[in-house]
N, C-alpha and C. Protein backbone atom coordinates (compact mmCIF):
# COMPACT_ATOMS: atom_id res chain seq x y z
N MET A 1 -6.43 12.01 -28.41
CA MET A 1 -6.50 11.54 -27.05
C MET A 1 -5.14 11.75 -26.40
N LEU A 2 -5.16 12.25 -25.20
CA LEU A 2 -3.93 12.53 -24.47
C LEU A 2 -3.38 11.24 -23.87
N ARG A 3 -2.06 11.21 -23.71
CA ARG A 3 -1.41 10.02 -23.16
C ARG A 3 -1.42 10.06 -21.64
N LEU A 4 -1.29 8.90 -21.03
CA LEU A 4 -1.21 8.82 -19.58
C LEU A 4 0.08 9.48 -19.10
N GLY A 5 0.00 10.19 -18.00
CA GLY A 5 1.16 10.85 -17.43
C GLY A 5 1.50 12.17 -18.07
N GLU A 6 0.73 12.59 -19.05
CA GLU A 6 1.03 13.82 -19.76
C GLU A 6 0.61 15.04 -18.92
N LYS A 7 1.45 16.07 -18.97
CA LYS A 7 1.18 17.30 -18.22
C LYS A 7 0.21 18.16 -19.02
N VAL A 8 -0.91 18.53 -18.40
CA VAL A 8 -1.93 19.33 -19.06
C VAL A 8 -2.28 20.52 -18.17
N VAL A 9 -2.94 21.49 -18.78
CA VAL A 9 -3.40 22.67 -18.06
C VAL A 9 -4.92 22.69 -18.13
N ILE A 10 -5.56 23.00 -17.02
CA ILE A 10 -7.01 23.09 -16.99
C ILE A 10 -7.40 24.45 -17.58
N VAL A 11 -8.18 24.42 -18.66
CA VAL A 11 -8.53 25.66 -19.36
C VAL A 11 -9.99 26.05 -19.16
N ALA A 12 -10.83 25.15 -18.65
CA ALA A 12 -12.24 25.47 -18.47
C ALA A 12 -12.81 24.58 -17.37
N ASP A 13 -14.01 24.93 -16.96
CA ASP A 13 -14.74 24.14 -15.96
C ASP A 13 -16.18 24.00 -16.44
N ALA A 14 -16.39 23.13 -17.42
CA ALA A 14 -17.69 23.01 -18.09
C ALA A 14 -18.78 22.53 -17.14
N PHE A 15 -18.46 21.66 -16.22
CA PHE A 15 -19.48 21.11 -15.33
C PHE A 15 -19.46 21.76 -13.94
N GLU A 16 -18.78 22.87 -13.82
CA GLU A 16 -18.72 23.65 -12.57
C GLU A 16 -18.40 22.78 -11.36
N GLN A 17 -17.25 22.13 -11.44
CA GLN A 17 -16.78 21.26 -10.37
C GLN A 17 -15.79 21.96 -9.46
N ASN A 18 -15.64 23.26 -9.60
CA ASN A 18 -14.64 24.04 -8.87
C ASN A 18 -13.23 23.57 -9.22
N LEU A 19 -13.02 23.34 -10.52
CA LEU A 19 -11.68 22.99 -10.99
C LEU A 19 -10.78 24.22 -10.89
N PRO A 20 -9.52 24.02 -10.58
CA PRO A 20 -8.58 25.16 -10.53
C PRO A 20 -8.13 25.55 -11.94
N VAL A 21 -8.90 26.40 -12.60
CA VAL A 21 -8.61 26.81 -13.98
C VAL A 21 -7.27 27.54 -14.00
N GLY A 22 -6.41 27.14 -14.94
CA GLY A 22 -5.09 27.73 -15.06
C GLY A 22 -4.00 26.91 -14.40
N GLU A 23 -4.38 25.97 -13.56
CA GLU A 23 -3.40 25.11 -12.89
C GLU A 23 -3.07 23.91 -13.78
N TYR A 24 -1.95 23.30 -13.50
CA TYR A 24 -1.57 22.13 -14.27
C TYR A 24 -1.91 20.86 -13.50
N GLY A 25 -1.99 19.78 -14.26
CA GLY A 25 -2.25 18.48 -13.67
C GLY A 25 -1.70 17.40 -14.58
N PHE A 26 -1.88 16.17 -14.18
CA PHE A 26 -1.37 15.04 -14.95
C PHE A 26 -2.51 14.06 -15.20
N ILE A 27 -2.55 13.52 -16.41
CA ILE A 27 -3.54 12.50 -16.75
C ILE A 27 -3.12 11.21 -16.07
N ILE A 28 -3.97 10.69 -15.19
CA ILE A 28 -3.60 9.46 -14.50
C ILE A 28 -4.44 8.27 -14.94
N ALA A 29 -5.59 8.53 -15.62
CA ALA A 29 -6.41 7.42 -16.09
C ALA A 29 -7.39 7.91 -17.15
N TYR A 30 -7.86 6.97 -17.95
CA TYR A 30 -8.94 7.24 -18.90
C TYR A 30 -10.24 6.79 -18.26
N ASP A 31 -11.28 7.54 -18.48
CA ASP A 31 -12.59 7.11 -18.01
C ASP A 31 -13.32 6.53 -19.21
N ARG A 32 -13.36 5.23 -19.31
CA ARG A 32 -13.93 4.56 -20.48
C ARG A 32 -15.41 4.22 -20.31
N ASN A 33 -16.03 4.71 -19.26
CA ASN A 33 -17.45 4.45 -19.03
C ASN A 33 -18.28 5.25 -20.04
N PRO A 34 -19.03 4.58 -20.91
CA PRO A 34 -19.80 5.31 -21.93
C PRO A 34 -21.02 6.04 -21.38
N ASP A 35 -21.34 5.83 -20.10
CA ASP A 35 -22.54 6.43 -19.52
C ASP A 35 -22.31 7.83 -18.95
N ASN A 36 -21.07 8.32 -18.97
CA ASN A 36 -20.86 9.66 -18.44
C ASN A 36 -20.08 10.51 -19.44
N ALA A 37 -19.98 11.78 -19.15
CA ALA A 37 -19.38 12.74 -20.08
C ALA A 37 -17.89 12.94 -19.86
N PHE A 38 -17.32 12.31 -18.88
CA PHE A 38 -15.92 12.56 -18.55
C PHE A 38 -15.01 11.64 -19.36
N ASP A 39 -13.83 12.18 -19.72
CA ASP A 39 -12.88 11.42 -20.52
C ASP A 39 -11.63 11.01 -19.75
N TYR A 40 -11.21 11.84 -18.81
CA TYR A 40 -9.95 11.60 -18.11
C TYR A 40 -10.12 11.74 -16.61
N VAL A 41 -9.21 11.10 -15.89
CA VAL A 41 -9.04 11.35 -14.46
C VAL A 41 -7.75 12.14 -14.35
N LEU A 42 -7.84 13.31 -13.76
CA LEU A 42 -6.74 14.26 -13.71
C LEU A 42 -6.27 14.43 -12.27
N ARG A 43 -4.98 14.35 -12.07
CA ARG A 43 -4.39 14.57 -10.73
C ARG A 43 -3.82 15.97 -10.70
N VAL A 44 -4.31 16.78 -9.76
CA VAL A 44 -3.82 18.14 -9.58
C VAL A 44 -2.97 18.16 -8.31
N PRO A 45 -1.64 18.19 -8.44
CA PRO A 45 -0.77 18.09 -7.27
C PRO A 45 -0.91 19.26 -6.30
N GLN A 46 -1.21 20.44 -6.79
CA GLN A 46 -1.29 21.60 -5.91
C GLN A 46 -2.47 21.48 -4.94
N MET A 47 -3.56 20.86 -5.39
CA MET A 47 -4.73 20.68 -4.53
C MET A 47 -4.74 19.31 -3.87
N ASN A 48 -3.83 18.43 -4.32
CA ASN A 48 -3.74 17.06 -3.80
C ASN A 48 -5.07 16.32 -3.97
N ARG A 49 -5.66 16.50 -5.19
CA ARG A 49 -6.95 15.87 -5.48
C ARG A 49 -6.96 15.31 -6.89
N ASN A 50 -7.89 14.40 -7.13
CA ASN A 50 -8.15 13.86 -8.46
C ASN A 50 -9.50 14.40 -8.93
N PHE A 51 -9.59 14.69 -10.22
CA PHE A 51 -10.83 15.19 -10.80
C PHE A 51 -11.17 14.38 -12.04
N PHE A 52 -12.45 14.17 -12.26
CA PHE A 52 -12.92 13.64 -13.53
C PHE A 52 -13.17 14.85 -14.43
N VAL A 53 -12.57 14.87 -15.63
CA VAL A 53 -12.71 16.02 -16.51
C VAL A 53 -13.02 15.57 -17.94
N PRO A 54 -13.83 16.35 -18.67
CA PRO A 54 -14.01 16.06 -20.10
C PRO A 54 -12.81 16.57 -20.88
N SER A 55 -12.67 16.12 -22.11
CA SER A 55 -11.49 16.48 -22.90
C SER A 55 -11.45 17.97 -23.24
N GLY A 56 -12.60 18.65 -23.26
CA GLY A 56 -12.62 20.07 -23.57
C GLY A 56 -12.11 20.96 -22.45
N ASP A 57 -12.03 20.43 -21.24
CA ASP A 57 -11.58 21.23 -20.10
C ASP A 57 -10.07 21.26 -19.94
N VAL A 58 -9.35 20.40 -20.64
CA VAL A 58 -7.90 20.35 -20.50
C VAL A 58 -7.24 20.53 -21.86
N ASP A 59 -6.02 21.04 -21.83
CA ASP A 59 -5.25 21.20 -23.06
C ASP A 59 -3.78 21.03 -22.72
N LEU A 60 -3.01 20.59 -23.69
CA LEU A 60 -1.58 20.39 -23.48
C LEU A 60 -0.90 21.71 -23.19
N GLU A 61 0.09 21.67 -22.34
CA GLU A 61 0.84 22.87 -22.00
C GLU A 61 1.58 23.41 -23.22
N GLU A 62 2.10 22.52 -24.06
CA GLU A 62 2.82 22.95 -25.25
C GLU A 62 1.91 23.71 -26.21
N VAL A 63 0.67 23.25 -26.36
CA VAL A 63 -0.28 23.90 -27.26
C VAL A 63 -0.61 25.31 -26.75
N LEU A 64 -0.82 25.43 -25.45
CA LEU A 64 -1.11 26.74 -24.88
C LEU A 64 0.06 27.70 -25.03
N LEU A 65 1.28 27.19 -24.84
CA LEU A 65 2.46 28.04 -25.01
C LEU A 65 2.62 28.49 -26.45
N LYS A 66 2.32 27.60 -27.40
CA LYS A 66 2.41 27.95 -28.82
C LYS A 66 1.38 29.02 -29.18
N GLN A 67 0.14 28.87 -28.68
CA GLN A 67 -0.90 29.86 -28.95
C GLN A 67 -0.53 31.22 -28.37
N GLU A 68 0.02 31.22 -27.18
CA GLU A 68 0.43 32.47 -26.55
C GLU A 68 1.57 33.13 -27.32
N ALA A 69 2.52 32.32 -27.81
CA ALA A 69 3.62 32.87 -28.60
C ALA A 69 3.12 33.48 -29.91
N GLU A 70 2.15 32.82 -30.56
CA GLU A 70 1.59 33.37 -31.79
C GLU A 70 0.84 34.67 -31.53
N ARG A 71 0.14 34.74 -30.41
CA ARG A 71 -0.59 35.96 -30.05
C ARG A 71 0.37 37.12 -29.79
N VAL A 72 1.45 36.84 -29.07
CA VAL A 72 2.44 37.87 -28.76
C VAL A 72 3.14 38.33 -30.04
N GLU A 73 3.45 37.39 -30.94
CA GLU A 73 4.09 37.74 -32.21
C GLU A 73 3.18 38.64 -33.04
N ARG A 74 1.90 38.31 -33.09
CA ARG A 74 0.95 39.11 -33.86
C ARG A 74 0.84 40.52 -33.27
N GLU A 75 0.77 40.61 -31.95
CA GLU A 75 0.68 41.92 -31.30
C GLU A 75 1.94 42.75 -31.56
N ALA A 76 3.10 42.10 -31.56
CA ALA A 76 4.35 42.81 -31.83
C ALA A 76 4.39 43.32 -33.27
N LEU A 77 3.90 42.50 -34.21
CA LEU A 77 3.85 42.94 -35.60
C LEU A 77 2.89 44.11 -35.79
N ILE A 78 1.76 44.08 -35.08
CA ILE A 78 0.82 45.20 -35.16
C ILE A 78 1.45 46.47 -34.60
N ASP A 79 2.15 46.35 -33.47
CA ASP A 79 2.84 47.51 -32.89
C ASP A 79 3.89 48.05 -33.85
N TYR A 80 4.63 47.16 -34.50
CA TYR A 80 5.66 47.58 -35.45
C TYR A 80 5.02 48.30 -36.64
N ALA A 81 3.92 47.75 -37.15
CA ALA A 81 3.24 48.37 -38.29
C ALA A 81 2.71 49.75 -37.93
N LEU A 82 2.21 49.90 -36.72
CA LEU A 82 1.72 51.22 -36.29
C LEU A 82 2.87 52.21 -36.08
N ALA A 83 3.98 51.72 -35.53
CA ALA A 83 5.12 52.60 -35.26
C ALA A 83 5.79 53.08 -36.55
N THR A 84 5.81 52.23 -37.58
CA THR A 84 6.47 52.59 -38.83
C THR A 84 5.49 53.13 -39.87
N HIS A 85 4.21 53.26 -39.48
CA HIS A 85 3.17 53.74 -40.40
C HIS A 85 3.07 52.89 -41.65
N ASN A 86 3.25 51.58 -41.48
CA ASN A 86 3.17 50.64 -42.59
C ASN A 86 1.71 50.17 -42.70
N GLU A 87 0.96 50.89 -43.52
CA GLU A 87 -0.47 50.64 -43.64
C GLU A 87 -0.77 49.28 -44.27
N LYS A 88 0.03 48.88 -45.23
CA LYS A 88 -0.19 47.61 -45.92
C LYS A 88 -0.03 46.43 -44.94
N LEU A 89 1.03 46.45 -44.13
CA LEU A 89 1.25 45.39 -43.15
C LEU A 89 0.13 45.38 -42.11
N PHE A 90 -0.28 46.57 -41.68
CA PHE A 90 -1.33 46.66 -40.68
C PHE A 90 -2.63 46.04 -41.20
N HIS A 91 -3.02 46.40 -42.42
CA HIS A 91 -4.26 45.85 -42.98
C HIS A 91 -4.13 44.34 -43.21
N HIS A 92 -2.95 43.89 -43.59
CA HIS A 92 -2.72 42.46 -43.78
C HIS A 92 -2.90 41.71 -42.45
N LEU A 93 -2.36 42.27 -41.36
CA LEU A 93 -2.47 41.63 -40.06
C LEU A 93 -3.89 41.67 -39.53
N MET A 94 -4.58 42.77 -39.73
CA MET A 94 -5.92 42.91 -39.20
C MET A 94 -6.95 42.11 -40.00
N ASN A 95 -6.78 42.04 -41.31
CA ASN A 95 -7.73 41.33 -42.16
C ASN A 95 -7.35 39.89 -42.40
N GLY A 96 -6.12 39.53 -42.19
CA GLY A 96 -5.66 38.17 -42.41
C GLY A 96 -5.40 37.93 -43.89
N ASP A 97 -5.32 36.67 -44.26
CA ASP A 97 -5.02 36.29 -45.65
C ASP A 97 -6.27 36.10 -46.49
N PHE A 98 -7.42 36.50 -45.98
CA PHE A 98 -8.67 36.24 -46.69
C PHE A 98 -8.74 37.00 -48.01
N GLN A 99 -8.23 38.22 -48.06
CA GLN A 99 -8.29 39.00 -49.29
C GLN A 99 -7.47 38.33 -50.39
N ALA A 100 -6.29 37.86 -50.05
CA ALA A 100 -5.43 37.23 -51.05
C ALA A 100 -6.09 35.96 -51.59
N VAL A 101 -6.72 35.19 -50.73
CA VAL A 101 -7.38 33.96 -51.16
C VAL A 101 -8.57 34.29 -52.05
N GLU A 102 -9.34 35.31 -51.69
CA GLU A 102 -10.50 35.70 -52.50
C GLU A 102 -10.06 36.19 -53.87
N GLU A 103 -8.97 36.95 -53.94
CA GLU A 103 -8.48 37.44 -55.22
C GLU A 103 -8.03 36.28 -56.11
N GLU A 104 -7.38 35.29 -55.52
CA GLU A 104 -6.93 34.14 -56.29
C GLU A 104 -8.12 33.36 -56.82
N GLU A 105 -9.17 33.21 -56.01
CA GLU A 105 -10.35 32.49 -56.45
C GLU A 105 -11.05 33.24 -57.59
N GLU A 106 -11.11 34.56 -57.52
CA GLU A 106 -11.75 35.35 -58.57
C GLU A 106 -11.01 35.21 -59.89
N THR A 107 -9.69 35.25 -59.85
CA THR A 107 -8.93 35.11 -61.09
C THR A 107 -9.05 33.69 -61.64
N ALA A 108 -9.15 32.71 -60.78
CA ALA A 108 -9.30 31.33 -61.24
C ALA A 108 -10.64 31.14 -61.93
N ASP A 109 -11.69 31.79 -61.44
CA ASP A 109 -13.01 31.66 -62.06
C ASP A 109 -13.04 32.33 -63.43
N GLU A 110 -12.35 33.43 -63.61
CA GLU A 110 -12.36 34.14 -64.88
C GLU A 110 -11.66 33.35 -65.97
N VAL A 111 -10.62 32.61 -65.64
CA VAL A 111 -9.83 31.88 -66.61
C VAL A 111 -10.55 30.60 -67.06
N MET A 112 -11.46 30.09 -66.25
CA MET A 112 -12.12 28.82 -66.52
C MET A 112 -12.99 28.92 -67.79
N SER A 113 -12.84 27.96 -68.67
CA SER A 113 -13.64 27.94 -69.90
C SER A 113 -15.02 27.36 -69.61
N GLN A 114 -15.90 27.43 -70.60
CA GLN A 114 -17.25 26.95 -70.43
C GLN A 114 -17.27 25.44 -70.21
N ALA A 115 -16.45 24.70 -70.89
CA ALA A 115 -16.39 23.24 -70.74
C ALA A 115 -15.90 22.87 -69.34
N ASP A 116 -14.88 23.60 -68.84
CA ASP A 116 -14.40 23.33 -67.49
C ASP A 116 -15.46 23.64 -66.45
N PHE A 117 -16.20 24.72 -66.68
CA PHE A 117 -17.27 25.09 -65.75
C PHE A 117 -18.33 24.00 -65.68
N ILE A 118 -18.75 23.48 -66.82
CA ILE A 118 -19.76 22.42 -66.86
C ILE A 118 -19.24 21.17 -66.17
N LYS A 119 -17.95 20.87 -66.38
CA LYS A 119 -17.33 19.70 -65.73
C LYS A 119 -17.37 19.87 -64.21
N GLN A 120 -17.03 21.07 -63.70
CA GLN A 120 -17.06 21.33 -62.26
C GLN A 120 -18.47 21.19 -61.70
N VAL A 121 -19.45 21.71 -62.43
CA VAL A 121 -20.85 21.61 -61.98
C VAL A 121 -21.28 20.15 -61.91
N ASN A 122 -20.93 19.38 -62.93
CA ASN A 122 -21.29 17.97 -62.93
C ASN A 122 -20.61 17.19 -61.80
N LEU A 123 -19.36 17.53 -61.50
CA LEU A 123 -18.65 16.85 -60.41
C LEU A 123 -19.31 17.16 -59.07
N ARG A 124 -19.72 18.40 -58.87
CA ARG A 124 -20.35 18.77 -57.61
C ARG A 124 -21.76 18.22 -57.50
N ALA A 125 -22.41 17.98 -58.63
CA ALA A 125 -23.78 17.45 -58.60
C ALA A 125 -23.79 16.01 -58.11
N TRP A 126 -22.73 15.25 -58.39
CA TRP A 126 -22.68 13.88 -57.95
C TRP A 126 -22.33 13.85 -56.51
């Protein structure tokens, strides 16, 4: 739950209220009425209006900046891998860490003895 007075960015308009998507606003109140879908009252200074918004329509500015920085970093690494013809780095970036995790799981299954396997099955059965 976001704090009062916190600066947020409108990222969606789920109920088609003509919200200014991409603009910032401030949380000025919580909507605690259980009969509606809205969570916050948001003040948008640029429009000089208040809006009732659900929690999915707003996100913290810091979170959005962090996501954008991660996206830019990933794109830069892909460009570097392509420029240096580093195929291993490129495949790692494009496929993610899933291959490494799958390989670790496969080796862990091979090492497991029959008694350990039965113990795991019994634990999951409960």
